[in-house]
Amino acid sequence: MAIEFTEDGGALRLSGELTIYHAAEIKQPLLTMLQAGNELEIDLSGISEIDTAGFQLLMLAKRETDRTGGNLRLTSHSPAVLELIELYNLAGFFGDPLVITAAHGAGGRSS
């Protein structure tokens, strides 16, 4: 799991596996960033795998920014992230627009 911070501290990019095995190492740097500013953008394009623990970490970040009056934006959702958001039906919780590509939409579940 890799975390890349922007120079201004307003954005970060996560890559690799956002799973129970890595959630603890990401939690403190993420909370520190949330306390440092009112706005944070998290680029999720590099997430290759995410599980419930990783998703809970994103939910914690969202709740923390809501609590402090900040703003959290999740961007560039990887297919793994999109799949879990769809599974949990929580797109509305994050309030971010999700762009589902034709390739992802074709492989999705049918109603």
C-alpha atoms as a PDB file:
ATOM      1  CA  MET A   1       0.000   0.000   0.000  1.00  0.00           C
ATOM      2  CA  ALA A   2       1.353   3.399  -0.964  1.00  0.00           C
ATOM      3  CA  ILE A   3       0.246   6.875   0.074  1.00  0.00           C
ATOM      4  CA  GLU A   4       1.332   9.889  -1.976  1.00  0.00           C
ATOM      5  CA  PHE A   5       0.686  13.384  -0.622  1.00  0.00           C
ATOM      6  CA  THR A   6       0.521  16.566  -2.667  1.00  0.00           C
ATOM      7  CA  GLU A   7       2.840  19.399  -1.703  1.00  0.00           C
ATOM      8  CA  ASP A   8       0.001  21.607  -0.487  1.00  0.00           C
ATOM      9  CA  GLY A   9      -1.393  18.798   1.676  1.00  0.00           C
ATOM     10  CA  GLY A  10      -4.871  18.997   0.154  1.00  0.00           C
ATOM     11  CA  ALA A  11      -4.814  15.723  -1.756  1.00  0.00           C
ATOM     12  CA  LEU A  12      -3.505  12.224  -1.528  1.00  0.00           C
ATOM     13  CA  ARG A  13      -3.355   9.224  -3.807  1.00  0.00           C
ATOM     14  CA  LEU A  14      -3.790   5.712  -2.470  1.00  0.00           C
ATOM     15  CA  SER A  15      -2.496   2.763  -4.429  1.00  0.00           C
ATOM     16  CA  GLY A  16      -2.297  -0.952  -3.844  1.00  0.00           C
ATOM     17  CA  GLU A  17      -4.492  -2.954  -1.503  1.00  0.00           C
ATOM     18  CA  LEU A  18      -6.729  -1.028   0.868  1.00  0.00           C
ATOM     19  CA  THR A  19      -7.490  -4.033   3.055  1.00  0.00           C
ATOM     20  CA  ILE A  20      -7.518  -5.015   6.695  1.00  0.00           C
ATOM     21  CA  TYR A  21      -3.794  -5.688   6.422  1.00  0.00           C
ATOM     22  CA  HIS A  22      -3.064  -2.052   5.520  1.00  0.00           C
ATOM     23  CA  ALA A  23      -5.913  -0.007   7.017  1.00  0.00           C
ATOM     24  CA  ALA A  24      -4.163   0.593  10.357  1.00  0.00           C
ATOM     25  CA  GLU A  25      -1.037   2.035   8.709  1.00  0.00           C
ATOM     26  CA  ILE A  26      -3.137   4.478   6.663  1.00  0.00           C
ATOM     27  CA  LYS A  27      -5.540   5.537   9.413  1.00  0.00           C
ATOM     28  CA  GLN A  28      -3.254   7.902  11.355  1.00  0.00           C
ATOM     29  CA  PRO A  29      -1.773   9.762   8.349  1.00  0.00           C
ATOM     30  CA  LEU A  30      -5.299  10.149   6.965  1.00  0.00           C
ATOM     31  CA  LEU A  31      -6.678  11.529  10.250  1.00  0.00           C
ATOM     32  CA  THR A  32      -3.699  13.884  10.507  1.00  0.00           C
ATOM     33  CA  MET A  33      -4.456  15.259   7.031  1.00  0.00           C
ATOM     34  CA  LEU A  34      -8.116  15.683   7.913  1.00  0.00           C
ATOM     35  CA  GLN A  35      -7.203  17.667  11.034  1.00  0.00           C
ATOM     36  CA  ALA A  36      -4.740  19.856   9.117  1.00  0.00           C
ATOM     37  CA  GLY A  37      -7.211  21.265   6.607  1.00  0.00           C
ATOM     38  CA  ASN A  38     -10.847  21.715   5.723  1.00  0.00           C
ATOM     39  CA  GLU A  39     -10.636  20.076   2.322  1.00  0.00           C
ATOM     40  CA  LEU A  40      -9.185  16.774   1.191  1.00  0.00           C
ATOM     41  CA  GLU A  41      -9.259  14.970  -2.138  1.00  0.00           C
ATOM     42  CA  ILE A  42      -8.449  11.258  -2.241  1.00  0.00           C
ATOM     43  CA  ASP A  43      -7.518   9.736  -5.593  1.00  0.00           C
ATOM     44  CA  LEU A  44      -8.605   6.080  -5.575  1.00  0.00           C
ATOM     45  CA  SER A  45      -7.453   5.167  -9.097  1.00  0.00           C
ATOM     46  CA  GLY A  46      -4.567   3.041  -7.804  1.00  0.00           C
ATOM     47  CA  ILE A  47      -6.598   0.841  -5.463  1.00  0.00           C
ATOM     48  CA  SER A  48      -6.279  -2.722  -6.738  1.00  0.00           C
ATOM     49  CA  GLU A  49      -8.236  -4.340  -3.911  1.00  0.00           C
ATOM     50  CA  ILE A  50     -10.472  -3.026  -1.134  1.00  0.00           C
ATOM     51  CA  ASP A  51     -12.314  -4.847   1.620  1.00  0.00           C
ATOM     52  CA  THR A  52     -14.686  -3.840   4.408  1.00  0.00           C
ATOM     53  CA  ALA A  53     -11.864  -2.497   6.600  1.00  0.00           C
ATOM     54  CA  GLY A  54     -10.644  -0.268   3.770  1.00  0.00           C
ATOM     55  CA  PHE A  55     -14.151   0.916   3.065  1.00  0.00           C
ATOM     56  CA  GLN A  56     -14.689   1.662   6.763  1.00  0.00           C
ATOM     57  CA  LEU A  57     -11.584   3.849   6.644  1.00  0.00           C
ATOM     58  CA  LEU A  58     -13.075   5.887   3.795  1.00  0.00           C
ATOM     59  CA  MET A  59     -16.332   6.157   5.735  1.00  0.00           C
ATOM     60  CA  LEU A  60     -14.411   7.339   8.823  1.00  0.00           C
ATOM     61  CA  ALA A  61     -12.759  10.040   6.714  1.00  0.00           C
ATOM     62  CA  LYS A  62     -16.157  11.169   5.418  1.00  0.00           C
ATOM     63  CA  ARG A  63     -17.711  11.240   8.906  1.00  0.00           C
ATOM     64  CA  GLU A  64     -14.726  13.181  10.270  1.00  0.00           C
ATOM     65  CA  THR A  65     -14.935  15.855   7.564  1.00  0.00           C
ATOM     66  CA  ASP A  66     -18.697  16.122   8.095  1.00  0.00           C
ATOM     67  CA  ARG A  67     -18.139  16.480  11.852  1.00  0.00           C
ATOM     68  CA  THR A  68     -15.550  19.234  11.451  1.00  0.00           C
ATOM     69  CA  GLY A  69     -17.332  21.033   8.612  1.00  0.00           C
ATOM     70  CA  GLY A  70     -14.693  20.031   6.086  1.00  0.00           C
ATOM     71  CA  ASN A  71     -15.044  18.631   2.605  1.00  0.00           C
ATOM     72  CA  LEU A  72     -13.917  15.211   1.370  1.00  0.00           C
ATOM     73  CA  ARG A  73     -13.853  14.317  -2.313  1.00  0.00           C
ATOM     74  CA  LEU A  74     -13.163  10.811  -3.546  1.00  0.00           C
ATOM     75  CA  THR A  75     -11.952  10.848  -7.139  1.00  0.00           C
ATOM     76  CA  SER A  76     -10.933   8.465  -9.894  1.00  0.00           C
ATOM     77  CA  HIS A  77     -12.614   5.444  -8.331  1.00  0.00           C
ATOM     78  CA  SER A  78     -10.909   2.213  -9.386  1.00  0.00           C
ATOM     79  CA  PRO A  79     -13.047  -0.740 -10.530  1.00  0.00           C
ATOM     80  CA  ALA A  80     -12.469  -2.421  -7.143  1.00  0.00           C
ATOM     81  CA  VAL A  81     -13.753   0.650  -5.290  1.00  0.00           C
ATOM     82  CA  LEU A  82     -16.735   1.044  -7.613  1.00  0.00           C
ATOM     83  CA  GLU A  83     -17.652  -2.598  -7.091  1.00  0.00           C
ATOM     84  CA  LEU A  84     -17.689  -2.242  -3.313  1.00  0.00           C
ATOM     85  CA  ILE A  85     -19.610   1.057  -3.382  1.00  0.00           C
ATOM     86  CA  GLU A  86     -22.194  -0.643  -5.582  1.00  0.00           C
ATOM     87  CA  LEU A  87     -22.312  -3.718  -3.347  1.00  0.00           C
ATOM     88  CA  TYR A  88     -22.904  -1.627  -0.212  1.00  0.00           C
ATOM     89  CA  ASN A  89     -25.160   0.840  -2.072  1.00  0.00           C
ATOM     90  CA  LEU A  90     -23.342   3.780  -0.485  1.00  0.00           C
ATOM     91  CA  ALA A  91     -22.689   6.155  -3.370  1.00  0.00           C
ATOM     92  CA  GLY A  92     -25.057   8.658  -1.754  1.00  0.00           C
ATOM     93  CA  PHE A  93     -23.181   8.491   1.553  1.00  0.00           C
ATOM     94  CA  PHE A  94     -20.068   9.980  -0.017  1.00  0.00           C
ATOM     95  CA  GLY A  95     -21.976  12.450  -2.179  1.00  0.00           C
ATOM     96  CA  ASP A  96     -19.434  12.214  -4.992  1.00  0.00           C
ATOM     97  CA  PRO A  97     -20.424  11.712  -8.601  1.00  0.00           C
ATOM     98  CA  LEU A  98     -19.349   8.312  -9.823  1.00  0.00           C
ATOM     99  CA  VAL A  99     -18.471   7.850 -13.458  1.00  0.00           C
ATOM    100  CA  ILE A 100     -18.912   4.235 -14.443  1.00  0.00           C
ATOM    101  CA  THR A 101     -17.197   3.400 -17.679  1.00  0.00           C
ATOM    102  CA  ALA A 102     -18.893   1.337 -20.359  1.00  0.00           C
ATOM    103  CA  ALA A 103     -16.489  -1.539 -19.649  1.00  0.00           C
ATOM    104  CA  HIS A 104     -17.408  -1.559 -15.962  1.00  0.00           C
ATOM    105  CA  GLY A 105     -21.114  -1.150 -16.663  1.00  0.00           C
ATOM    106  CA  ALA A 106     -21.113  -4.071 -19.102  1.00  0.00           C
ATOM    107  CA  GLY A 107     -19.561  -6.356 -16.497  1.00  0.00           C
ATOM    108  CA  GLY A 108     -21.924  -5.317 -13.729  1.00  0.00           C
ATOM    109  CA  ARG A 109     -24.922  -7.101 -12.364  1.00  0.00           C
ATOM    110  CA  SER A 110     -28.196  -6.893 -14.185  1.00  0.00           C
ATOM    111  CA  SER A 111     -31.437  -6.135 -12.401  1.00  0.00           C
END
